[in-house]
Amino acid sequence: MTTELKLSISRFLTRGSYALLILTIAVNLWTENAPWAAFLFFLIPLLIFLPGMIADTVRNLIWMGFALLMYFVIVVYKLSVPEPLALDIAELVLTTVLFSASMFYARIRQTNNL
């Protein structure tokens, strides 16, 4: 597998899972009839990384990895109930995919000075 193919796959997974995670969190909060403060609390930290995602900077990806750890902890806590919601499971999967893909993408770009 070439470096260009690895970069394109990991870039696609990073951007796709980022968009889907924002959408999933918004839909999950909307179905739970959460107040607007909850929307701000959960979505603003992710939306802060949007300009860096558009500019495609490695530093942005690394810092987003740290922020994703918070989302991972929250979603694991939400899954600790006896019957977790399907959207919570989707959030866990998307958070894990986003973290893995973005760290893989950042690592490839750093090692190849791209």
PDB file of N, CA and C in Angstrom:
ATOM      1  N   MET A   1       0.852  -1.175   0.000  1.00  0.00           N
ATOM      2  CA  MET A   1       0.000   0.000   0.000  1.00  0.00           C
ATOM      3  C   MET A   1       0.895   1.234   0.000  1.00  0.00           C
ATOM      4  N   THR A   2       0.638   2.129  -0.899  1.00  0.00           N
ATOM      5  CA  THR A   2       1.469   3.318  -1.007  1.00  0.00           C
ATOM      6  C   THR A   2       1.097   4.350   0.051  1.00  0.00           C
ATOM      7  N   THR A   3       2.013   5.275   0.247  1.00  0.00           N
ATOM      8  CA  THR A   3       1.780   6.337   1.230  1.00  0.00           C
ATOM      9  C   THR A   3       0.615   7.220   0.817  1.00  0.00           C
ATOM     10  N   GLU A   4       0.492   7.494  -0.467  1.00  0.00           N
ATOM     11  CA  GLU A   4      -0.606   8.342  -0.946  1.00  0.00           C
ATOM     12  C   GLU A   4      -1.960   7.696  -0.686  1.00  0.00           C
ATOM     13  N   LEU A   5      -2.030   6.378  -0.875  1.00  0.00           N
ATOM     14  CA  LEU A   5      -3.289   5.671  -0.618  1.00  0.00           C
ATOM     15  C   LEU A   5      -3.619   5.681   0.871  1.00  0.00           C
ATOM     16  N   LYS A   6      -2.614   5.458   1.711  1.00  0.00           N
ATOM     17  CA  LYS A   6      -2.825   5.517   3.159  1.00  0.00           C
ATOM     18  C   LYS A   6      -3.314   6.903   3.574  1.00  0.00           C
ATOM     19  N   LEU A   7      -2.698   7.931   2.998  1.00  0.00           N
ATOM     20  CA  LEU A   7      -3.102   9.306   3.318  1.00  0.00           C
ATOM     21  C   LEU A   7      -4.534   9.584   2.884  1.00  0.00           C
ATOM     22  N   SER A   8      -4.886   9.161   1.694  1.00  0.00           N
ATOM     23  CA  SER A   8      -6.240   9.457   1.208  1.00  0.00           C
ATOM     24  C   SER A   8      -7.301   8.698   1.993  1.00  0.00           C
ATOM     25  N   ILE A   9      -7.025   7.452   2.358  1.00  0.00           N
ATOM     26  CA  ILE A   9      -7.994   6.678   3.148  1.00  0.00           C
ATOM     27  C   ILE A   9      -8.144   7.278   4.540  1.00  0.00           C
ATOM     28  N   SER A  10      -7.022   7.580   5.187  1.00  0.00           N
ATOM     29  CA  SER A  10      -7.107   8.122   6.545  1.00  0.00           C
ATOM     30  C   SER A  10      -7.704   9.529   6.549  1.00  0.00           C
ATOM     31  N   ARG A  11      -7.439  10.324   5.517  1.00  0.00           N
ATOM     32  CA  ARG A  11      -8.055  11.658   5.421  1.00  0.00           C
ATOM     33  C   ARG A  11      -9.568  11.527   5.253  1.00  0.00           C
ATOM     34  N   PHE A  12      -9.994  10.606   4.389  1.00  0.00           N
ATOM     35  CA  PHE A  12     -11.429  10.383   4.180  1.00  0.00           C
ATOM     36  C   PHE A  12     -12.107   9.910   5.466  1.00  0.00           C
ATOM     37  N   LEU A  13     -11.486   8.953   6.158  1.00  0.00           N
ATOM     38  CA  LEU A  13     -12.064   8.461   7.416  1.00  0.00           C
ATOM     39  C   LEU A  13     -12.107   9.552   8.477  1.00  0.00           C
ATOM     40  N   THR A  14     -11.065  10.378   8.530  1.00  0.00           N
ATOM     41  CA  THR A  14     -11.024  11.443   9.527  1.00  0.00           C
ATOM     42  C   THR A  14     -12.126  12.461   9.280  1.00  0.00           C
ATOM     43  N   ARG A  15     -12.222  12.933   8.057  1.00  0.00           N
ATOM     44  CA  ARG A  15     -13.228  13.951   7.758  1.00  0.00           C
ATOM     45  C   ARG A  15     -14.648  13.397   7.830  1.00  0.00           C
ATOM     46  N   GLY A  16     -14.834  12.184   7.346  1.00  0.00           N
ATOM     47  CA  GLY A  16     -16.169  11.582   7.384  1.00  0.00           C
ATOM     48  C   GLY A  16     -16.644  11.306   8.793  1.00  0.00           C
ATOM     49  N   SER A  17     -15.772  10.711   9.614  1.00  0.00           N
ATOM     50  CA  SER A  17     -16.183  10.416  10.984  1.00  0.00           C
ATOM     51  C   SER A  17     -16.340  11.690  11.808  1.00  0.00           C
ATOM     52  N   TYR A  18     -15.580  12.728  11.486  1.00  0.00           N
ATOM     53  CA  TYR A  18     -15.729  14.019  12.171  1.00  0.00           C
ATOM     54  C   TYR A  18     -17.125  14.593  11.908  1.00  0.00           C
ATOM     55  N   ALA A  19     -17.514  14.619  10.647  1.00  0.00           N
ATOM     56  CA  ALA A  19     -18.836  15.153  10.292  1.00  0.00           C
ATOM     57  C   ALA A  19     -19.947  14.296  10.876  1.00  0.00           C
ATOM     58  N   LEU A  20     -19.791  12.981  10.786  1.00  0.00           N
ATOM     59  CA  LEU A  20     -20.829  12.092  11.317  1.00  0.00           C
ATOM     60  C   LEU A  20     -20.921  12.157  12.839  1.00  0.00           C
ATOM     61  N   LEU A  21     -19.790  12.354  13.521  1.00  0.00           N
ATOM     62  CA  LEU A  21     -19.825  12.473  14.978  1.00  0.00           C
ATOM     63  C   LEU A  21     -20.570  13.728  15.399  1.00  0.00           C
ATOM     64  N   ILE A  22     -20.314  14.845  14.738  1.00  0.00           N
ATOM     65  CA  ILE A  22     -21.041  16.079  15.061  1.00  0.00           C
ATOM     66  C   ILE A  22     -22.534  15.880  14.825  1.00  0.00           C
ATOM     67  N   LEU A  23     -22.874  15.278  13.706  1.00  0.00           N
ATOM     68  CA  LEU A  23     -24.282  15.031  13.387  1.00  0.00           C
ATOM     69  C   LEU A  23     -24.925  14.077  14.390  1.00  0.00           C
ATOM     70  N   THR A  24     -24.239  13.017  14.747  1.00  0.00           N
ATOM     71  CA  THR A  24     -24.781  12.036  15.689  1.00  0.00           C
ATOM     72  C   THR A  24     -24.993  12.648  17.069  1.00  0.00           C
ATOM     73  N   ILE A  25     -24.034  13.441  17.524  1.00  0.00           N
ATOM     74  CA  ILE A  25     -24.188  14.091  18.837  1.00  0.00           C
ATOM     75  C   ILE A  25     -25.374  15.048  18.816  1.00  0.00           C
ATOM     76  N   ALA A  26     -25.512  15.813  17.732  1.00  0.00           N
ATOM     77  CA  ALA A  26     -26.634  16.761  17.631  1.00  0.00           C
ATOM     78  C   ALA A  26     -27.971  16.030  17.615  1.00  0.00           C
ATOM     79  N   VAL A  27     -28.064  14.955  16.849  1.00  0.00           N
ATOM     80  CA  VAL A  27     -29.315  14.195  16.789  1.00  0.00           C
ATOM     81  C   VAL A  27     -29.606  13.532  18.130  1.00  0.00           C
ATOM     82  N   ASN A  28     -28.594  13.007  18.779  1.00  0.00           N
ATOM     83  CA  ASN A  28     -28.777  12.365  20.084  1.00  0.00           C
ATOM     84  C   ASN A  28     -29.278  13.371  21.114  1.00  0.00           C
ATOM     85  N   LEU A  29     -28.698  14.559  21.124  1.00  0.00           N
ATOM     86  CA  LEU A  29     -29.164  15.585  22.061  1.00  0.00           C
ATOM     87  C   LEU A  29     -30.577  16.043  21.723  1.00  0.00           C
ATOM     88  N   TRP A  30     -30.892  16.137  20.441  1.00  0.00           N
ATOM     89  CA  TRP A  30     -32.225  16.560  20.027  1.00  0.00           C
ATOM     90  C   TRP A  30     -33.276  15.526  20.427  1.00  0.00           C
ATOM     91  N   THR A  31     -32.977  14.234  20.279  1.00  0.00           N
ATOM     92  CA  THR A  31     -33.946  13.200  20.660  1.00  0.00           C
ATOM     93  C   THR A  31     -34.139  13.119  22.169  1.00  0.00           C
ATOM     94  N   GLU A  32     -33.125  13.532  22.921  1.00  0.00           N
ATOM     95  CA  GLU A  32     -33.242  13.543  24.380  1.00  0.00           C
ATOM     96  C   GLU A  32     -33.859  14.836  24.904  1.00  0.00           C
ATOM     97  N   ASN A  33     -34.254  15.741  24.005  1.00  0.00           N
ATOM     98  CA  ASN A  33     -34.801  17.050  24.372  1.00  0.00           C
ATOM     99  C   ASN A  33     -33.874  17.806  25.318  1.00  0.00           C
ATOM    100  N   ALA A  34     -32.596  17.810  24.984  1.00  0.00           N
ATOM    101  CA  ALA A  34     -31.596  18.485  25.803  1.00  0.00           C
ATOM    102  C   ALA A  34     -31.721  19.994  25.638  1.00  0.00           C
ATOM    103  N   PRO A  35     -31.367  20.755  26.675  1.00  0.00           N
ATOM    104  CA  PRO A  35     -31.400  22.221  26.549  1.00  0.00           C
ATOM    105  C   PRO A  35     -30.278  22.701  25.624  1.00  0.00           C
ATOM    106  N   TRP A  36     -30.397  23.943  25.174  1.00  0.00           N
ATOM    107  CA  TRP A  36     -29.405  24.503  24.259  1.00  0.00           C
ATOM    108  C   TRP A  36     -28.022  24.565  24.878  1.00  0.00           C
ATOM    109  N   ALA A  37     -27.952  24.680  26.189  1.00  0.00           N
ATOM    110  CA  ALA A  37     -26.648  24.703  26.861  1.00  0.00           C
ATOM    111  C   ALA A  37     -25.908  23.383  26.646  1.00  0.00           C
ATOM    112  N   ALA A  38     -26.645  22.287  26.612  1.00  0.00           N
ATOM    113  CA  ALA A  38     -26.020  20.986  26.359  1.00  0.00           C
ATOM    114  C   ALA A  38     -25.483  20.914  24.933  1.00  0.00           C
ATOM    115  N   PHE A  39     -26.238  21.471  23.983  1.00  0.00           N
ATOM    116  CA  PHE A  39     -25.753  21.518  22.605  1.00  0.00           C
ATOM    117  C   PHE A  39     -24.426  22.279  22.543  1.00  0.00           C
ATOM    118  N   LEU A  40     -24.384  23.419  23.204  1.00  0.00           N
ATOM    119  CA  LEU A  40     -23.161  24.217  23.203  1.00  0.00           C
ATOM    120  C   LEU A  40     -22.016  23.479  23.893  1.00  0.00           C
ATOM    121  N   PHE A  41     -22.308  22.856  25.020  1.00  0.00           N
ATOM    122  CA  PHE A  41     -21.282  22.160  25.793  1.00  0.00           C
ATOM    123  C   PHE A  41     -20.671  21.001  25.003  1.00  0.00           C
ATOM    124  N   PHE A  42     -21.503  20.272  24.257  1.00  0.00           N
ATOM    125  CA  PHE A  42     -21.006  19.111  23.542  1.00  0.00           C
ATOM    126  C   PHE A  42     -20.480  19.423  22.140  1.00  0.00           C
ATOM    127  N   LEU A  43     -21.016  20.434  21.482  1.00  0.00           N
ATOM    128  CA  LEU A  43     -20.631  20.674  20.093  1.00  0.00           C
ATOM    129  C   LEU A  43     -19.530  21.713  19.916  1.00  0.00           C
ATOM    130  N   ILE A  44     -19.456  22.698  20.793  1.00  0.00           N
ATOM    131  CA  ILE A  44     -18.437  23.746  20.639  1.00  0.00           C
ATOM    132  C   ILE A  44     -17.017  23.175  20.677  1.00  0.00           C
ATOM    133  N   PRO A  45     -16.679  22.276  21.613  1.00  0.00           N
ATOM    134  CA  PRO A  45     -15.304  21.746  21.588  1.00  0.00           C
ATOM    135  C   PRO A  45     -14.941  21.046  20.276  1.00  0.00           C
ATOM    136  N   LEU A  46     -15.897  20.383  19.646  1.00  0.00           N
ATOM    137  CA  LEU A  46     -15.610  19.750  18.356  1.00  0.00           C
ATOM    138  C   LEU A  46     -15.550  20.764  17.231  1.00  0.00           C
ATOM    139  N   LEU A  47     -16.413  21.755  17.271  1.00  0.00           N
ATOM    140  CA  LEU A  47     -16.452  22.747  16.206  1.00  0.00           C
ATOM    141  C   LEU A  47     -15.237  23.680  16.232  1.00  0.00           C
ATOM    142  N   ILE A  48     -14.553  23.751  17.360  1.00  0.00           N
ATOM    143  CA  ILE A  48     -13.327  24.545  17.432  1.00  0.00           C
ATOM    144  C   ILE A  48     -12.286  24.014  16.450  1.00  0.00           C
ATOM    145  N   PHE A  49     -12.320  22.714  16.193  1.00  0.00           N
ATOM    146  CA  PHE A  49     -11.329  22.091  15.316  1.00  0.00           C
ATOM    147  C   PHE A  49     -11.712  22.156  13.839  1.00  0.00           C
ATOM    148  N   LEU A  50     -12.857  22.717  13.504  1.00  0.00           N
ATOM    149  CA  LEU A  50     -13.296  22.789  12.109  1.00  0.00           C
ATOM    150  C   LEU A  50     -12.345  23.599  11.218  1.00  0.00           C
ATOM    151  N   PRO A  51     -11.886  24.781  11.622  1.00  0.00           N
ATOM    152  CA  PRO A  51     -10.946  25.500  10.740  1.00  0.00           C
ATOM    153  C   PRO A  51      -9.656  24.718  10.477  1.00  0.00           C
ATOM    154  N   GLY A  52      -9.169  24.017  11.486  1.00  0.00           N
ATOM    155  CA  GLY A  52      -7.973  23.206  11.303  1.00  0.00           C
ATOM    156  C   GLY A  52      -8.212  21.995  10.421  1.00  0.00           C
ATOM    157  N   MET A  53      -9.434  21.457  10.470  1.00  0.00           N
ATOM    158  CA  MET A  53      -9.775  20.345   9.583  1.00  0.00           C
ATOM    159  C   MET A  53      -9.821  20.828   8.138  1.00  0.00           C
ATOM    160  N   ILE A  54     -10.340  22.022   7.935  1.00  0.00           N
ATOM    161  CA  ILE A  54     -10.398  22.581   6.581  1.00  0.00           C
ATOM    162  C   ILE A  54      -8.989  22.903   6.088  1.00  0.00           C
ATOM    163  N   ALA A  55      -8.154  23.483   6.970  1.00  0.00           N
ATOM    164  CA  ALA A  55      -6.783  23.826   6.593  1.00  0.00           C
ATOM    165  C   ALA A  55      -5.877  22.599   6.542  1.00  0.00           C
ATOM    166  N   ASP A  56      -6.316  21.484   7.109  1.00  0.00           N
ATOM    167  CA  ASP A  56      -5.588  20.216   7.077  1.00  0.00           C
ATOM    168  C   ASP A  56      -4.234  20.319   7.786  1.00  0.00           C
ATOM    169  N   THR A  57      -4.250  20.773   9.039  1.00  0.00           N
ATOM    170  CA  THR A  57      -3.018  20.913   9.809  1.00  0.00           C
ATOM    171  C   THR A  57      -2.832  19.736  10.757  1.00  0.00           C
ATOM    172  N   VAL A  58      -1.600  19.296  10.884  1.00  0.00           N
ATOM    173  CA  VAL A  58      -1.280  18.159  11.744  1.00  0.00           C
ATOM    174  C   VAL A  58      -1.484  18.519  13.212  1.00  0.00           C
ATOM    175  N   ARG A  59      -1.099  19.722  13.588  1.00  0.00           N
ATOM    176  CA  ARG A  59      -1.243  20.151  14.987  1.00  0.00           C
ATOM    177  C   ARG A  59      -2.710  20.081  15.428  1.00  0.00           C
ATOM    178  N   ASN A  60      -3.611  20.464  14.543  1.00  0.00           N
ATOM    179  CA  ASN A  60      -5.040  20.403  14.828  1.00  0.00           C
ATOM    180  C   ASN A  60      -5.472  18.962  15.095  1.00  0.00           C
ATOM    181  N   LEU A  61      -4.989  18.034  14.296  1.00  0.00           N
ATOM    182  CA  LEU A  61      -5.350  16.627  14.478  1.00  0.00           C
ATOM    183  C   LEU A  61      -4.870  16.102  15.826  1.00  0.00           C
ATOM    184  N   ILE A  62      -3.670  16.489  16.203  1.00  0.00           N
ATOM    185  CA  ILE A  62      -3.120  16.017  17.478  1.00  0.00           C
ATOM    186  C   ILE A  62      -3.927  16.563  18.649  1.00  0.00           C
ATOM    187  N   TRP A  63      -4.261  17.845  18.619  1.00  0.00           N
ATOM    188  CA  TRP A  63      -5.044  18.420  19.710  1.00  0.00           C
ATOM    189  C   TRP A  63      -6.470  17.865  19.727  1.00  0.00           C
ATOM    190  N   MET A  64      -7.008  17.566  18.557  1.00  0.00           N
ATOM    191  CA  MET A  64      -8.332  16.973  18.522  1.00  0.00           C
ATOM    192  C   MET A  64      -8.319  15.598  19.175  1.00  0.00           C
ATOM    193  N   GLY A  65      -7.221  14.882  19.058  1.00  0.00           N
ATOM    194  CA  GLY A  65      -7.099  13.592  19.732  1.00  0.00           C
ATOM    195  C   GLY A  65      -7.255  13.714  21.238  1.00  0.00           C
ATOM    196  N   PHE A  66      -6.671  14.764  21.809  1.00  0.00           N
ATOM    197  CA  PHE A  66      -6.835  14.990  23.245  1.00  0.00           C
ATOM    198  C   PHE A  66      -8.283  15.300  23.606  1.00  0.00           C
ATOM    199  N   ALA A  67      -8.936  16.107  22.789  1.00  0.00           N
ATOM    200  CA  ALA A  67     -10.335  16.452  23.057  1.00  0.00           C
ATOM    201  C   ALA A  67     -11.237  15.234  22.891  1.00  0.00           C
ATOM    202  N   LEU A  68     -10.904  14.345  21.982  1.00  0.00           N
ATOM    203  CA  LEU A  68     -11.732  13.161  21.761  1.00  0.00           C
ATOM    204  C   LEU A  68     -11.719  12.218  22.960  1.00  0.00           C
ATOM    205  N   LEU A  69     -10.678  12.287  23.748  1.00  0.00           N
ATOM    206  CA  LEU A  69     -10.643  11.458  24.953  1.00  0.00           C
ATOM    207  C   LEU A  69     -11.783  11.826  25.906  1.00  0.00           C
ATOM    208  N   MET A  70     -12.114  13.120  25.968  1.00  0.00           N
ATOM    209  CA  MET A  70     -13.241  13.561  26.794  1.00  0.00           C
ATOM    210  C   MET A  70     -14.550  12.961  26.270  1.00  0.00           C
ATOM    211  N   TYR A  71     -14.739  12.996  24.946  1.00  0.00           N
ATOM    212  CA  TYR A  71     -15.950  12.431  24.357  1.00  0.00           C
ATOM    213  C   TYR A  71     -16.013  10.923  24.581  1.00  0.00           C
ATOM    214  N   PHE A  72     -14.867  10.264  24.524  1.00  0.00           N
ATOM    215  CA  PHE A  72     -14.835   8.824  24.755  1.00  0.00           C
ATOM    216  C   PHE A  72     -15.278   8.489  26.175  1.00  0.00           C
ATOM    217  N   VAL A  73     -14.778   9.225  27.140  1.00  0.00           N
ATOM    218  CA  VAL A  73     -15.150   8.977  28.543  1.00  0.00           C
ATOM    219  C   VAL A  73     -16.640   9.217  28.747  1.00  0.00           C
ATOM    220  N   ILE A  74     -17.171  10.284  28.178  1.00  0.00           N
ATOM    221  CA  ILE A  74     -18.589  10.608  28.339  1.00  0.00           C
ATOM    222  C   ILE A  74     -19.463   9.519  27.721  1.00  0.00           C
ATOM    223  N   VAL A  75     -19.088   9.064  26.539  1.00  0.00           N
ATOM    224  CA  VAL A  75     -19.917   8.075  25.848  1.00  0.00           C
ATOM    225  C   VAL A  75     -19.837   6.703  26.530  1.00  0.00           C
ATOM    226  N   VAL A  76     -18.694   6.357  27.082  1.00  0.00           N
ATOM    227  CA  VAL A  76     -18.599   5.097  27.823  1.00  0.00           C
ATOM    228  C   VAL A  76     -19.472   5.169  29.069  1.00  0.00           C
ATOM    229  N   TYR A  77     -19.500   6.323  29.716  1.00  0.00           N
ATOM    230  CA  TYR A  77     -20.388   6.502  30.870  1.00  0.00           C
ATOM    231  C   TYR A  77     -21.860   6.367  30.458  1.00  0.00           C
ATOM    232  N   LYS A  78     -22.214   6.944  29.302  1.00  0.00           N
ATOM    233  CA  LYS A  78     -23.595   6.845  28.830  1.00  0.00           C
ATOM    234  C   LYS A  78     -23.972   5.412  28.456  1.00  0.00           C
ATOM    235  N   LEU A  79     -22.996   4.603  28.107  1.00  0.00           N
ATOM    236  CA  LEU A  79     -23.262   3.215  27.739  1.00  0.00           C
ATOM    237  C   LEU A  79     -23.318   2.281  28.939  1.00  0.00           C
ATOM    238  N   SER A  80     -23.079   2.803  30.126  1.00  0.00           N
ATOM    239  CA  SER A  80     -23.066   1.947  31.310  1.00  0.00           C
ATOM    240  C   SER A  80     -24.462   1.627  31.842  1.00  0.00           C
ATOM    241  N   VAL A  81     -25.501   2.127  31.212  1.00  0.00           N
ATOM    242  CA  VAL A  81     -26.870   1.809  31.616  1.00  0.00           C
ATOM    243  C   VAL A  81     -27.239   0.422  31.084  1.00  0.00           C
ATOM    244  N   PRO A  82     -28.263  -0.215  31.651  1.00  0.00           N
ATOM    245  CA  PRO A  82     -28.620  -1.562  31.191  1.00  0.00           C
ATOM    246  C   PRO A  82     -29.013  -1.657  29.715  1.00  0.00           C
ATOM    247  N   GLU A  83     -29.720  -0.667  29.188  1.00  0.00           N
ATOM    248  CA  GLU A  83     -30.127  -0.689  27.782  1.00  0.00           C
ATOM    249  C   GLU A  83     -29.667   0.602  27.106  1.00  0.00           C
ATOM    250  N   PRO A  84     -28.447   0.609  26.562  1.00  0.00           N
ATOM    251  CA  PRO A  84     -27.948   1.841  25.934  1.00  0.00           C
ATOM    252  C   PRO A  84     -28.671   2.130  24.625  1.00  0.00           C
ATOM    253  N   LEU A  85     -28.714   3.398  24.279  1.00  0.00           N
ATOM    254  CA  LEU A  85     -29.342   3.825  23.022  1.00  0.00           C
ATOM    255  C   LEU A  85     -28.435   3.518  21.839  1.00  0.00           C
ATOM    256  N   ALA A  86     -29.036   3.332  20.684  1.00  0.00           N
ATOM    257  CA  ALA A  86     -28.268   3.051  19.470  1.00  0.00           C
ATOM    258  C   ALA A  86     -27.384   4.235  19.087  1.00  0.00           C
ATOM    259  N   LEU A  87     -27.869   5.450  19.334  1.00  0.00           N
ATOM    260  CA  LEU A  87     -27.060   6.630  19.019  1.00  0.00           C
ATOM    261  C   LEU A  87     -25.832   6.733  19.914  1.00  0.00           C
ATOM    262  N   ASP A  88     -25.933   6.248  21.143  1.00  0.00           N
ATOM    263  CA  ASP A  88     -24.770   6.234  22.023  1.00  0.00           C
ATOM    264  C   ASP A  88     -23.718   5.252  21.515  1.00  0.00           C
ATOM    265  N   ILE A  89     -24.167   4.107  21.023  1.00  0.00           N
ATOM    266  CA  ILE A  89     -23.235   3.135  20.441  1.00  0.00           C
ATOM    267  C   ILE A  89     -22.586   3.720  19.195  1.00  0.00           C
ATOM    268  N   ALA A  90     -23.366   4.421  18.385  1.00  0.00           N
ATOM    269  CA  ALA A  90     -22.821   5.063  17.188  1.00  0.00           C
ATOM    270  C   ALA A  90     -21.791   6.128  17.566  1.00  0.00           C
ATOM    271  N   GLU A  91     -22.053   6.875  18.633  1.00  0.00           N
ATOM    272  CA  GLU A  91     -21.089   7.874  19.096  1.00  0.00           C
ATOM    273  C   GLU A  91     -19.781   7.222  19.511  1.00  0.00           C
ATOM    274  N   LEU A  92     -19.869   6.092  20.194  1.00  0.00           N
ATOM    275  CA  LEU A  92     -18.664   5.388  20.618  1.00  0.00           C
ATOM    276  C   LEU A  92     -17.859   4.912  19.412  1.00  0.00           C
ATOM    277  N   VAL A  93     -18.537   4.330  18.447  1.00  0.00           N
ATOM    278  CA  VAL A  93     -17.846   3.843  17.245  1.00  0.00           C
ATOM    279  C   VAL A  93     -17.209   5.007  16.488  1.00  0.00           C
ATOM    280  N   LEU A  94     -17.954   6.088  16.299  1.00  0.00           N
ATOM    281  CA  LEU A  94     -17.422   7.232  15.556  1.00  0.00           C
ATOM    282  C   LEU A  94     -16.276   7.918  16.290  1.00  0.00           C
ATOM    283  N   THR A  95     -16.360   7.996  17.598  1.00  0.00           N
ATOM    284  CA  THR A  95     -15.275   8.588  18.374  1.00  0.00           C
ATOM    285  C   THR A  95     -14.007   7.750  18.238  1.00  0.00           C
ATOM    286  N   THR A  96     -14.160   6.451  18.307  1.00  0.00           N
ATOM    287  CA  THR A  96     -13.009   5.557  18.176  1.00  0.00           C
ATOM    288  C   THR A  96     -12.408   5.620  16.771  1.00  0.00           C
ATOM    289  N   VAL A  97     -13.267   5.611  15.759  1.00  0.00           N
ATOM    290  CA  VAL A  97     -12.781   5.691  14.376  1.00  0.00           C
ATOM    291  C   VAL A  97     -12.098   7.037  14.134  1.00  0.00           C
ATOM    292  N   LEU A  98     -12.697   8.112  14.611  1.00  0.00           N
ATOM    293  CA  LEU A  98     -12.111   9.438  14.412  1.00  0.00           C
ATOM    294  C   LEU A  98     -10.756   9.549  15.098  1.00  0.00           C
ATOM    295  N   PHE A  99     -10.661   9.069  16.317  1.00  0.00           N
ATOM    296  CA  PHE A  99      -9.385   9.129  17.035  1.00  0.00           C
ATOM    297  C   PHE A  99      -8.319   8.317  16.305  1.00  0.00           C
ATOM    298  N   SER A 100      -8.649   7.087  15.942  1.00  0.00           N
ATOM    299  CA  SER A 100      -7.671   6.211  15.286  1.00  0.00           C
ATOM    300  C   SER A 100      -7.254   6.762  13.928  1.00  0.00           C
ATOM    301  N   ALA A 101      -8.218   7.175  13.122  1.00  0.00           N
ATOM    302  CA  ALA A 101      -7.905   7.667  11.777  1.00  0.00           C
ATOM    303  C   ALA A 101      -7.113   8.967  11.829  1.00  0.00           C
ATOM    304  N   SER A 102      -7.483   9.866  12.736  1.00  0.00           N
ATOM    305  CA  SER A 102      -6.772  11.145  12.793  1.00  0.00           C
ATOM    306  C   SER A 102      -5.348  10.975  13.312  1.00  0.00           C
ATOM    307  N   MET A 103      -5.150  10.074  14.267  1.00  0.00           N
ATOM    308  CA  MET A 103      -3.789   9.836  14.760  1.00  0.00           C
ATOM    309  C   MET A 103      -2.942   9.130  13.697  1.00  0.00           C
ATOM    310  N   PHE A 104      -3.538   8.213  12.957  1.00  0.00           N
ATOM    311  CA  PHE A 104      -2.838   7.534  11.865  1.00  0.00           C
ATOM    312  C   PHE A 104      -2.464   8.539  10.774  1.00  0.00           C
ATOM    313  N   TYR A 105      -3.397   9.400  10.431  1.00  0.00           N
ATOM    314  CA  TYR A 105      -3.172  10.424   9.403  1.00  0.00           C
ATOM    315  C   TYR A 105      -2.069  11.391   9.838  1.00  0.00           C
ATOM    316  N   ALA A 106      -2.115  11.829  11.087  1.00  0.00           N
ATOM    317  CA  ALA A 106      -1.098  12.751  11.591  1.00  0.00           C
ATOM    318  C   ALA A 106       0.276  12.083  11.611  1.00  0.00           C
ATOM    319  N   ARG A 107       0.315  10.824  11.985  1.00  0.00           N
ATOM    320  CA  ARG A 107       1.591  10.112  12.046  1.00  0.00           C
ATOM    321  C   ARG A 107       2.208   9.941  10.659  1.00  0.00           C
ATOM    322  N   ILE A 108       1.404   9.589   9.688  1.00  0.00           N
ATOM    323  CA  ILE A 108       1.916   9.434   8.322  1.00  0.00           C
ATOM    324  C   ILE A 108       2.437  10.766   7.794  1.00  0.00           C
ATOM    325  N   ARG A 109       1.685  11.824   8.038  1.00  0.00           N
ATOM    326  CA  ARG A 109       2.129  13.148   7.559  1.00  0.00           C
ATOM    327  C   ARG A 109       3.408  13.592   8.255  1.00  0.00           C
ATOM    328  N   GLN A 110       3.555  13.285   9.527  1.00  0.00           N
ATOM    329  CA  GLN A 110       4.760  13.686  10.239  1.00  0.00           C
ATOM    330  C   GLN A 110       5.982  12.898   9.776  1.00  0.00           C
ATOM    331  N   THR A 111       5.819  11.607   9.598  1.00  0.00           N
ATOM    332  CA  THR A 111       6.979  10.796   9.201  1.00  0.00           C
ATOM    333  C   THR A 111       7.413  11.072   7.771  1.00  0.00           C
ATOM    334  N   ASN A 112       6.510  11.514   6.919  1.00  0.00           N
ATOM    335  CA  ASN A 112       6.846  11.800   5.535  1.00  0.00           C
ATOM    336  C   ASN A 112       7.001  13.292   5.250  1.00  0.00           C
ATOM    337  N   ASN A 113       6.938  14.110   6.286  1.00  0.00           N
ATOM    338  CA  ASN A 113       7.074  15.566   6.155  1.00  0.00           C
ATOM    339  C   ASN A 113       6.140  16.146   5.099  1.00  0.00           C
ATOM    340  N   LEU A 114       4.870  15.771   5.175  1.00  0.00           N
ATOM    341  CA  LEU A 114       3.873  16.251   4.214  1.00  0.00           C
ATOM    342  C   LEU A 114       3.020  17.335   4.824  1.00  0.00           C
TER     343      LEU A 114
END
